[in-house]
């Protein structure tokens, strides 16, 4: 159940990121999953960068995925770079927003 909550939170973050109405190409994509860990990096031609790492943790009665990552994008209207770093654990999703 906790895994599902974390997964839904991560999808919500991805959907909440601003969407520009331009086509973008993937210029970098790296993914490395295994049984207990994963990580991935993504970069697009319109300035979006994403990175995430996760690890399955076994607790006494349950399993959870501990996740940390970040994503950023450049606002094409004012040129500012917006960044979000986050972690998610069995207590929820914890974002930190930065605007440069």
PDB file of N, CA and C in Angstrom:
ATOM      1  N   UNK A   1       0.817  -1.187   0.000  1.00  0.00           N
ATOM      2  CA  UNK A   1       0.000   0.000   0.000  1.00  0.00           C
ATOM      3  C   UNK A   1       0.864   1.256   0.000  1.00  0.00           C
ATOM      4  N   UNK A   2       1.914   1.250   0.840  1.00  0.00           N
ATOM      5  CA  UNK A   2       2.788   2.424   0.891  1.00  0.00           C
ATOM      6  C   UNK A   2       3.479   2.636  -0.447  1.00  0.00           C
ATOM      7  N   UNK A   3       3.840   1.533  -1.101  1.00  0.00           N
ATOM      8  CA  UNK A   3       4.459   1.642  -2.412  1.00  0.00           C
ATOM      9  C   UNK A   3       3.522   2.363  -3.378  1.00  0.00           C
ATOM     10  N   UNK A   4       2.258   2.015  -3.345  1.00  0.00           N
ATOM     11  CA  UNK A   4       1.271   2.639  -4.226  1.00  0.00           C
ATOM     12  C   UNK A   4       1.141   4.127  -3.932  1.00  0.00           C
ATOM     13  N   UNK A   5       1.165   4.510  -2.663  1.00  0.00           N
ATOM     14  CA  UNK A   5       1.071   5.922  -2.296  1.00  0.00           C
ATOM     15  C   UNK A   5       2.272   6.687  -2.828  1.00  0.00           C
ATOM     16  N   UNK A   6       3.468   6.124  -2.659  1.00  0.00           N
ATOM     17  CA  UNK A   6       4.682   6.785  -3.155  1.00  0.00           C
ATOM     18  C   UNK A   6       4.633   6.896  -4.674  1.00  0.00           C
ATOM     19  N   UNK A   7       4.202   5.844  -5.347  1.00  0.00           N
ATOM     20  CA  UNK A   7       4.127   5.858  -6.802  1.00  0.00           C
ATOM     21  C   UNK A   7       3.143   6.916  -7.287  1.00  0.00           C
ATOM     22  N   UNK A   8       2.001   7.009  -6.651  1.00  0.00           N
ATOM     23  CA  UNK A   8       1.013   8.019  -7.032  1.00  0.00           C
ATOM     24  C   UNK A   8       1.570   9.418  -6.797  1.00  0.00           C
ATOM     25  N   UNK A   9       2.287   9.613  -5.691  1.00  0.00           N
ATOM     26  CA  UNK A   9       2.883  10.922  -5.415  1.00  0.00           C
ATOM     27  C   UNK A   9       3.890  11.301  -6.490  1.00  0.00           C
ATOM     28  N   UNK A  10       4.679  10.355  -6.947  1.00  0.00           N
ATOM     29  CA  UNK A  10       5.673  10.650  -7.981  1.00  0.00           C
ATOM     30  C   UNK A  10       5.011  11.007  -9.309  1.00  0.00           C
ATOM     31  N   UNK A  11       3.939  10.310  -9.665  1.00  0.00           N
ATOM     32  CA  UNK A  11       3.208  10.665 -10.880  1.00  0.00           C
ATOM     33  C   UNK A  11       2.582  12.045 -10.755  1.00  0.00           C
ATOM     34  N   UNK A  12       2.103  12.382  -9.569  1.00  0.00           N
ATOM     35  CA  UNK A  12       1.513  13.705  -9.363  1.00  0.00           C
ATOM     36  C   UNK A  12       2.559  14.795  -9.553  1.00  0.00           C
ATOM     37  N   UNK A  13       3.769  14.551  -9.083  1.00  0.00           N
ATOM     38  CA  UNK A  13       4.852  15.522  -9.273  1.00  0.00           C
ATOM     39  C   UNK A  13       5.150  15.705 -10.750  1.00  0.00           C
ATOM     40  N   UNK A  14       5.227  14.612 -11.468  1.00  0.00           N
ATOM     41  CA  UNK A  14       5.524  14.696 -12.901  1.00  0.00           C
ATOM     42  C   UNK A  14       4.429  15.460 -13.645  1.00  0.00           C
ATOM     43  N   UNK A  15       3.197  15.240 -13.276  1.00  0.00           N
ATOM     44  CA  UNK A  15       2.096  15.939 -13.940  1.00  0.00           C
ATOM     45  C   UNK A  15       2.021  17.400 -13.540  1.00  0.00           C
ATOM     46  N   UNK A  16       2.514  17.742 -12.345  1.00  0.00           N
ATOM     47  CA  UNK A  16       2.439  19.114 -11.867  1.00  0.00           C
ATOM     48  C   UNK A  16       3.488  20.019 -12.505  1.00  0.00           C
ATOM     49  N   UNK A  17       4.533  19.450 -13.073  1.00  0.00           N
ATOM     50  CA  UNK A  17       5.575  20.263 -13.698  1.00  0.00           C
ATOM     51  C   UNK A  17       4.979  21.027 -14.882  1.00  0.00           C
ATOM     52  N   UNK A  18       5.411  22.269 -15.064  1.00  0.00           N
ATOM     53  CA  UNK A  18       4.863  23.049 -16.168  1.00  0.00           C
ATOM     54  C   UNK A  18       5.145  22.393 -17.515  1.00  0.00           C
ATOM     55  N   UNK A  19       4.207  22.507 -18.400  1.00  0.00           N
ATOM     56  CA  UNK A  19       4.354  21.927 -19.727  1.00  0.00           C
ATOM     57  C   UNK A  19       4.404  23.042 -20.759  1.00  0.00           C
ATOM     58  N   UNK A  20       5.461  23.090 -21.498  1.00  0.00           N
ATOM     59  CA  UNK A  20       5.563  24.042 -22.600  1.00  0.00           C
ATOM     60  C   UNK A  20       4.916  23.418 -23.824  1.00  0.00           C
ATOM     61  N   UNK A  21       4.429  24.235 -24.697  1.00  0.00           N
ATOM     62  CA  UNK A  21       3.764  23.743 -25.897  1.00  0.00           C
ATOM     63  C   UNK A  21       4.748  23.710 -27.062  1.00  0.00           C
ATOM     64  N   UNK A  22       5.799  22.979 -26.885  1.00  0.00           N
ATOM     65  CA  UNK A  22       6.793  22.809 -27.936  1.00  0.00           C
ATOM     66  C   UNK A  22       7.241  21.357 -27.945  1.00  0.00           C
ATOM     67  N   UNK A  23       7.705  20.932 -29.066  1.00  0.00           N
ATOM     68  CA  UNK A  23       8.230  19.579 -29.160  1.00  0.00           C
ATOM     69  C   UNK A  23       9.611  19.546 -28.517  1.00  0.00           C
ATOM     70  N   UNK A  24       9.925  18.456 -27.893  1.00  0.00           N
ATOM     71  CA  UNK A  24      11.229  18.290 -27.267  1.00  0.00           C
ATOM     72  C   UNK A  24      11.737  16.895 -27.585  1.00  0.00           C
ATOM     73  N   UNK A  25      13.030  16.802 -27.751  1.00  0.00           N
ATOM     74  CA  UNK A  25      13.677  15.518 -27.974  1.00  0.00           C
ATOM     75  C   UNK A  25      14.373  15.079 -26.695  1.00  0.00           C
ATOM     76  N   UNK A  26      14.442  13.791 -26.489  1.00  0.00           N
ATOM     77  CA  UNK A  26      15.210  13.253 -25.372  1.00  0.00           C
ATOM     78  C   UNK A  26      16.670  13.244 -25.808  1.00  0.00           C
ATOM     79  N   UNK A  27      17.509  13.955 -25.059  1.00  0.00           N
ATOM     80  CA  UNK A  27      18.930  14.010 -25.404  1.00  0.00           C
ATOM     81  C   UNK A  27      19.767  13.109 -24.491  1.00  0.00           C
ATOM     82  N   UNK A  28      19.182  12.698 -23.357  1.00  0.00           N
ATOM     83  CA  UNK A  28      19.883  11.772 -22.461  1.00  0.00           C
ATOM     84  C   UNK A  28      18.831  10.943 -21.731  1.00  0.00           C
ATOM     85  N   UNK A  29      19.026   9.649 -21.716  1.00  0.00           N
ATOM     86  CA  UNK A  29      18.155   8.756 -20.963  1.00  0.00           C
ATOM     87  C   UNK A  29      18.993   7.591 -20.477  1.00  0.00           C
ATOM     88  N   UNK A  30      19.051   7.446 -19.181  1.00  0.00           N
ATOM     89  CA  UNK A  30      19.808   6.354 -18.570  1.00  0.00           C
ATOM     90  C   UNK A  30      18.945   5.750 -17.478  1.00  0.00           C
ATOM     91  N   UNK A  31      18.841   4.435 -17.468  1.00  0.00           N
ATOM     92  CA  UNK A  31      18.054   3.739 -16.453  1.00  0.00           C
ATOM     93  C   UNK A  31      18.804   2.502 -16.027  1.00  0.00           C
ATOM     94  N   UNK A  32      18.839   2.262 -14.707  1.00  0.00           N
ATOM     95  CA  UNK A  32      19.548   1.092 -14.202  1.00  0.00           C
ATOM     96  C   UNK A  32      18.754   0.468 -13.061  1.00  0.00           C
ATOM     97  N   UNK A  33      17.849  -0.445 -13.372  1.00  0.00           N
ATOM     98  CA  UNK A  33      17.100  -1.120 -12.312  1.00  0.00           C
ATOM     99  C   UNK A  33      17.739  -2.446 -11.909  1.00  0.00           C
ATOM    100  N   UNK A  34      17.492  -2.873 -10.691  1.00  0.00           N
ATOM    101  CA  UNK A  34      17.786  -4.241 -10.273  1.00  0.00           C
ATOM    102  C   UNK A  34      16.732  -4.637  -9.236  1.00  0.00           C
ATOM    103  N   UNK A  35      16.955  -5.690  -8.492  1.00  0.00           N
ATOM    104  CA  UNK A  35      15.914  -6.202  -7.593  1.00  0.00           C
ATOM    105  C   UNK A  35      15.580  -5.279  -6.429  1.00  0.00           C
ATOM    106  N   UNK A  36      16.550  -4.573  -5.886  1.00  0.00           N
ATOM    107  CA  UNK A  36      16.331  -3.742  -4.696  1.00  0.00           C
ATOM    108  C   UNK A  36      16.580  -2.250  -4.927  1.00  0.00           C
ATOM    109  N   UNK A  37      17.148  -1.877  -6.070  1.00  0.00           N
ATOM    110  CA  UNK A  37      17.498  -0.479  -6.326  1.00  0.00           C
ATOM    111  C   UNK A  37      17.122  -0.100  -7.756  1.00  0.00           C
ATOM    112  N   UNK A  38      17.020   1.185  -7.990  1.00  0.00           N
ATOM    113  CA  UNK A  38      16.915   1.680  -9.365  1.00  0.00           C
ATOM    114  C   UNK A  38      17.411   3.117  -9.392  1.00  0.00           C
ATOM    115  N   UNK A  39      17.797   3.569 -10.556  1.00  0.00           N
ATOM    116  CA  UNK A  39      18.076   4.988 -10.767  1.00  0.00           C
ATOM    117  C   UNK A  39      17.857   5.295 -12.230  1.00  0.00           C
ATOM    118  N   UNK A  40      17.534   6.539 -12.508  1.00  0.00           N
ATOM    119  CA  UNK A  40      17.369   6.974 -13.888  1.00  0.00           C
ATOM    120  C   UNK A  40      17.655   8.463 -13.998  1.00  0.00           C
ATOM    121  N   UNK A  41      18.107   8.842 -15.178  1.00  0.00           N
ATOM    122  CA  UNK A  41      18.380  10.234 -15.531  1.00  0.00           C
ATOM    123  C   UNK A  41      17.725  10.514 -16.869  1.00  0.00           C
ATOM    124  N   UNK A  42      17.165  11.692 -16.998  1.00  0.00           N
ATOM    125  CA  UNK A  42      16.517  12.106 -18.234  1.00  0.00           C
ATOM    126  C   UNK A  42      16.834  13.570 -18.480  1.00  0.00           C
ATOM    127  N   UNK A  43      17.149  13.899 -19.720  1.00  0.00           N
ATOM    128  CA  UNK A  43      17.359  15.286 -20.125  1.00  0.00           C
ATOM    129  C   UNK A  43      16.710  15.473 -21.485  1.00  0.00           C
ATOM    130  N   UNK A  44      15.992  16.578 -21.650  1.00  0.00           N
ATOM    131  CA  UNK A  44      15.332  16.859 -22.921  1.00  0.00           C
ATOM    132  C   UNK A  44      15.906  18.123 -23.548  1.00  0.00           C
ATOM    133  N   UNK A  45      15.646  18.277 -24.822  1.00  0.00           N
ATOM    134  CA  UNK A  45      16.194  19.406 -25.566  1.00  0.00           C
ATOM    135  C   UNK A  45      15.585  20.746 -25.155  1.00  0.00           C
ATOM    136  N   UNK A  46      14.472  20.745 -24.444  1.00  0.00           N
ATOM    137  CA  UNK A  46      13.884  22.010 -24.001  1.00  0.00           C
ATOM    138  C   UNK A  46      14.276  22.363 -22.569  1.00  0.00           C
ATOM    139  N   UNK A  47      15.308  21.711 -22.040  1.00  0.00           N
ATOM    140  CA  UNK A  47      15.871  22.116 -20.758  1.00  0.00           C
ATOM    141  C   UNK A  47      15.325  21.430 -19.524  1.00  0.00           C
ATOM    142  N   UNK A  48      14.601  20.356 -19.686  1.00  0.00           N
ATOM    143  CA  UNK A  48      14.108  19.608 -18.534  1.00  0.00           C
ATOM    144  C   UNK A  48      15.155  18.576 -18.138  1.00  0.00           C
ATOM    145  N   UNK A  49      15.439  18.508 -16.842  1.00  0.00           N
ATOM    146  CA  UNK A  49      16.370  17.521 -16.287  1.00  0.00           C
ATOM    147  C   UNK A  49      15.660  16.796 -15.156  1.00  0.00           C
ATOM    148  N   UNK A  50      15.782  15.472 -15.143  1.00  0.00           N
ATOM    149  CA  UNK A  50      15.182  14.682 -14.078  1.00  0.00           C
ATOM    150  C   UNK A  50      16.160  13.602 -13.648  1.00  0.00           C
ATOM    151  N   UNK A  51      16.187  13.344 -12.348  1.00  0.00           N
ATOM    152  CA  UNK A  51      17.020  12.274 -11.794  1.00  0.00           C
ATOM    153  C   UNK A  51      16.265  11.674 -10.619  1.00  0.00           C
ATOM    154  N   UNK A  52      16.327  10.351 -10.497  1.00  0.00           N
ATOM    155  CA  UNK A  52      15.681   9.697  -9.362  1.00  0.00           C
ATOM    156  C   UNK A  52      16.398   8.406  -9.024  1.00  0.00           C
ATOM    157  N   UNK A  53      16.461   8.125  -7.728  1.00  0.00           N
ATOM    158  CA  UNK A  53      17.021   6.879  -7.226  1.00  0.00           C
ATOM    159  C   UNK A  53      16.060   6.308  -6.197  1.00  0.00           C
ATOM    160  N   UNK A  54      15.930   4.998  -6.179  1.00  0.00           N
ATOM    161  CA  UNK A  54      15.050   4.362  -5.208  1.00  0.00           C
ATOM    162  C   UNK A  54      15.642   3.069  -4.695  1.00  0.00           C
ATOM    163  N   UNK A  55      15.221   2.712  -3.494  1.00  0.00           N
ATOM    164  CA  UNK A  55      15.703   1.494  -2.859  1.00  0.00           C
ATOM    165  C   UNK A  55      14.563   0.865  -2.065  1.00  0.00           C
ATOM    166  N   UNK A  56      14.376  -0.427  -2.222  1.00  0.00           N
ATOM    167  CA  UNK A  56      13.359  -1.144  -1.458  1.00  0.00           C
ATOM    168  C   UNK A  56      13.904  -1.404  -0.063  1.00  0.00           C
ATOM    169  N   UNK A  57      13.113  -1.014   0.942  1.00  0.00           N
ATOM    170  CA  UNK A  57      13.480  -1.249   2.338  1.00  0.00           C
ATOM    171  C   UNK A  57      12.493  -2.242   2.932  1.00  0.00           C
ATOM    172  N   UNK A  58      13.012  -3.206   3.638  1.00  0.00           N
ATOM    173  CA  UNK A  58      12.166  -4.187   4.316  1.00  0.00           C
ATOM    174  C   UNK A  58      11.976  -3.751   5.762  1.00  0.00           C
ATOM    175  N   UNK A  59      10.733  -3.601   6.146  1.00  0.00           N
ATOM    176  CA  UNK A  59      10.402  -3.306   7.532  1.00  0.00           C
ATOM    177  C   UNK A  59       9.802  -4.562   8.149  1.00  0.00           C
ATOM    178  N   UNK A  60       9.525  -4.535   9.435  1.00  0.00           N
ATOM    179  CA  UNK A  60       9.045  -5.733  10.119  1.00  0.00           C
ATOM    180  C   UNK A  60       7.803  -6.320   9.462  1.00  0.00           C
ATOM    181  N   UNK A  61       6.839  -5.479   9.108  1.00  0.00           N
ATOM    182  CA  UNK A  61       5.582  -5.978   8.574  1.00  0.00           C
ATOM    183  C   UNK A  61       5.325  -5.588   7.130  1.00  0.00           C
ATOM    184  N   UNK A  62       6.192  -4.789   6.554  1.00  0.00           N
ATOM    185  CA  UNK A  62       5.871  -4.239   5.242  1.00  0.00           C
ATOM    186  C   UNK A  62       7.150  -3.917   4.475  1.00  0.00           C
ATOM    187  N   UNK A  63       6.978  -3.544   3.232  1.00  0.00           N
ATOM    188  CA  UNK A  63       8.074  -3.076   2.392  1.00  0.00           C
ATOM    189  C   UNK A  63       7.747  -1.656   1.962  1.00  0.00           C
ATOM    190  N   UNK A  64       8.769  -0.869   1.732  1.00  0.00           N
ATOM    191  CA  UNK A  64       8.579   0.492   1.233  1.00  0.00           C
ATOM    192  C   UNK A  64       9.729   0.801   0.285  1.00  0.00           C
ATOM    193  N   UNK A  65       9.481   1.711  -0.627  1.00  0.00           N
ATOM    194  CA  UNK A  65      10.543   2.190  -1.508  1.00  0.00           C
ATOM    195  C   UNK A  65      10.933   3.583  -1.035  1.00  0.00           C
ATOM    196  N   UNK A  66      12.193   3.732  -0.688  1.00  0.00           N
ATOM    197  CA  UNK A  66      12.716   5.036  -0.324  1.00  0.00           C
ATOM    198  C   UNK A  66      13.258   5.669  -1.599  1.00  0.00           C
ATOM    199  N   UNK A  67      12.793   6.859  -1.903  1.00  0.00           N
ATOM    200  CA  UNK A  67      13.102   7.511  -3.165  1.00  0.00           C
ATOM    201  C   UNK A  67      13.680   8.888  -2.886  1.00  0.00           C
ATOM    202  N   UNK A  68      14.669   9.298  -3.674  1.00  0.00           N
ATOM    203  CA  UNK A  68      15.090  10.694  -3.671  1.00  0.00           C
ATOM    204  C   UNK A  68      15.446  11.072  -5.105  1.00  0.00           C
ATOM    205  N   UNK A  69      15.219  12.322  -5.409  1.00  0.00           N
ATOM    206  CA  UNK A  69      15.473  12.759  -6.768  1.00  0.00           C
ATOM    207  C   UNK A  69      15.273  14.248  -6.927  1.00  0.00           C
ATOM    208  N   UNK A  70      15.291  14.662  -8.176  1.00  0.00           N
ATOM    209  CA  UNK A  70      15.114  16.071  -8.489  1.00  0.00           C
ATOM    210  C   UNK A  70      14.653  16.215  -9.929  1.00  0.00           C
ATOM    211  N   UNK A  71      14.045  17.354 -10.205  1.00  0.00           N
ATOM    212  CA  UNK A  71      13.758  17.727 -11.574  1.00  0.00           C
ATOM    213  C   UNK A  71      13.818  19.234 -11.678  1.00  0.00           C
ATOM    214  N   UNK A  72      14.162  19.719 -12.861  1.00  0.00           N
ATOM    215  CA  UNK A  72      14.256  21.158 -13.083  1.00  0.00           C
ATOM    216  C   UNK A  72      13.871  21.470 -14.513  1.00  0.00           C
ATOM    217  N   UNK A  73      13.487  22.724 -14.711  1.00  0.00           N
ATOM    218  CA  UNK A  73      13.131  23.206 -16.039  1.00  0.00           C
ATOM    219  C   UNK A  73      13.408  24.693 -16.105  1.00  0.00           C
ATOM    220  N   UNK A  74      13.628  25.171 -17.288  1.00  0.00           N
ATOM    221  CA  UNK A  74      13.868  26.597 -17.501  1.00  0.00           C
ATOM    222  C   UNK A  74      12.581  27.220 -18.006  1.00  0.00           C
ATOM    223  N   UNK A  75      12.150  28.272 -17.333  1.00  0.00           N
ATOM    224  CA  UNK A  75      10.956  29.000 -17.744  1.00  0.00           C
ATOM    225  C   UNK A  75      11.318  29.816 -18.984  1.00  0.00           C
ATOM    226  N   UNK A  76      10.674  29.537 -20.087  1.00  0.00           N
ATOM    227  CA  UNK A  76      11.005  30.212 -21.340  1.00  0.00           C
ATOM    228  C   UNK A  76      10.480  31.647 -21.390  1.00  0.00           C
ATOM    229  N   UNK A  77       9.664  32.030 -20.424  1.00  0.00           N
ATOM    230  CA  UNK A  77       9.149  33.400 -20.394  1.00  0.00           C
ATOM    231  C   UNK A  77      10.086  34.353 -19.669  1.00  0.00           C
ATOM    232  N   UNK A  78      10.651  33.909 -18.539  1.00  0.00           N
ATOM    233  CA  UNK A  78      11.521  34.810 -17.783  1.00  0.00           C
ATOM    234  C   UNK A  78      12.956  34.293 -17.661  1.00  0.00           C
ATOM    235  N   UNK A  79      13.249  33.119 -18.190  1.00  0.00           N
ATOM    236  CA  UNK A  79      14.598  32.579 -18.187  1.00  0.00           C
ATOM    237  C   UNK A  79      15.043  31.965 -16.869  1.00  0.00           C
ATOM    238  N   UNK A  80      14.185  31.962 -15.869  1.00  0.00           N
ATOM    239  CA  UNK A  80      14.557  31.404 -14.575  1.00  0.00           C
ATOM    240  C   UNK A  80      14.523  29.874 -14.608  1.00  0.00           C
ATOM    241  N   UNK A  81      15.436  29.277 -13.855  1.00  0.00           N
ATOM    242  CA  UNK A  81      15.460  27.830 -13.706  1.00  0.00           C
ATOM    243  C   UNK A  81      14.733  27.492 -12.406  1.00  0.00           C
ATOM    244  N   UNK A  82      13.783  26.603 -12.487  1.00  0.00           N
ATOM    245  CA  UNK A  82      13.017  26.151 -11.329  1.00  0.00           C
ATOM    246  C   UNK A  82      13.438  24.713 -11.029  1.00  0.00           C
ATOM    247  N   UNK A  83      13.698  24.436  -9.761  1.00  0.00           N
ATOM    248  CA  UNK A  83      14.173  23.116  -9.363  1.00  0.00           C
ATOM    249  C   UNK A  83      13.353  22.584  -8.197  1.00  0.00           C
ATOM    250  N   UNK A  84      13.129  21.295  -8.216  1.00  0.00           N
ATOM    251  CA  UNK A  84      12.462  20.607  -7.118  1.00  0.00           C
ATOM    252  C   UNK A  84      13.333  19.415  -6.748  1.00  0.00           C
ATOM    253  N   UNK A  85      13.716  19.342  -5.497  1.00  0.00           N
ATOM    254  CA  UNK A  85      14.359  18.139  -4.968  1.00  0.00           C
ATOM    255  C   UNK A  85      13.345  17.494  -4.028  1.00  0.00           C
ATOM    256  N   UNK A  86      13.417  16.204  -3.900  1.00  0.00           N
ATOM    257  CA  UNK A  86      12.423  15.523  -3.089  1.00  0.00           C
ATOM    258  C   UNK A  86      12.950  14.207  -2.565  1.00  0.00           C
ATOM    259  N   UNK A  87      12.280  13.737  -1.543  1.00  0.00           N
ATOM    260  CA  UNK A  87      12.435  12.351  -1.127  1.00  0.00           C
ATOM    261  C   UNK A  87      11.055  11.853  -0.728  1.00  0.00           C
ATOM    262  N   UNK A  88      10.886  10.571  -0.831  1.00  0.00           N
ATOM    263  CA  UNK A  88       9.638   9.933  -0.431  1.00  0.00           C
ATOM    264  C   UNK A  88       9.989   8.686   0.360  1.00  0.00           C
ATOM    265  N   UNK A  89       9.278   8.501   1.454  1.00  0.00           N
ATOM    266  CA  UNK A  89       9.520   7.343   2.290  1.00  0.00           C
ATOM    267  C   UNK A  89       8.186   6.829   2.821  1.00  0.00           C
ATOM    268  N   UNK A  90       8.236   6.007   3.842  1.00  0.00           N
ATOM    269  CA  UNK A  90       7.000   5.455   4.374  1.00  0.00           C
ATOM    270  C   UNK A  90       6.165   6.502   5.113  1.00  0.00           C
ATOM    271  N   UNK A  91       6.666   7.734   5.219  1.00  0.00           N
ATOM    272  CA  UNK A  91       5.918   8.830   5.845  1.00  0.00           C
ATOM    273  C   UNK A  91       5.386   9.829   4.825  1.00  0.00           C
ATOM    274  N   UNK A  92       5.614   9.571   3.526  1.00  0.00           N
ATOM    275  CA  UNK A  92       5.048  10.443   2.508  1.00  0.00           C
ATOM    276  C   UNK A  92       6.074  11.055   1.574  1.00  0.00           C
ATOM    277  N   UNK A  93       5.614  12.037   0.831  1.00  0.00           N
ATOM    278  CA  UNK A  93       6.397  12.733  -0.186  1.00  0.00           C
ATOM    279  C   UNK A  93       6.836  14.073   0.376  1.00  0.00           C
ATOM    280  N   UNK A  94       8.141  14.410   0.223  1.00  0.00           N
ATOM    281  CA  UNK A  94       8.709  15.594   0.842  1.00  0.00           C
ATOM    282  C   UNK A  94       9.473  16.413  -0.198  1.00  0.00           C
ATOM    283  N   UNK A  95       8.817  17.373  -0.854  1.00  0.00           N
ATOM    284  CA  UNK A  95       9.490  18.187  -1.867  1.00  0.00           C
ATOM    285  C   UNK A  95      10.104  19.452  -1.274  1.00  0.00           C
ATOM    286  N   UNK A  96      11.105  19.963  -1.970  1.00  0.00           N
ATOM    287  CA  UNK A  96      11.710  21.261  -1.642  1.00  0.00           C
ATOM    288  C   UNK A  96      11.862  21.996  -2.969  1.00  0.00           C
ATOM    289  N   UNK A  97      11.254  23.172  -3.076  1.00  0.00           N
ATOM    290  CA  UNK A  97      11.232  23.925  -4.333  1.00  0.00           C
ATOM    291  C   UNK A  97      12.245  25.062  -4.278  1.00  0.00           C
ATOM    292  N   UNK A  98      12.980  25.230  -5.378  1.00  0.00           N
ATOM    293  CA  UNK A  98      13.942  26.326  -5.488  1.00  0.00           C
ATOM    294  C   UNK A  98      13.708  27.041  -6.810  1.00  0.00           C
ATOM    295  N   UNK A  99      13.824  28.358  -6.776  1.00  0.00           N
ATOM    296  CA  UNK A  99      13.697  29.177  -7.987  1.00  0.00           C
ATOM    297  C   UNK A  99      14.969  30.008  -8.112  1.00  0.00           C
ATOM    298  N   UNK A 100      15.675  29.850  -9.227  1.00  0.00           N
ATOM    299  CA  UNK A 100      16.921  30.604  -9.444  1.00  0.00           C
ATOM    300  C   UNK A 100      16.697  31.706 -10.454  1.00  0.00           C
TER     301      UNK A 100
END
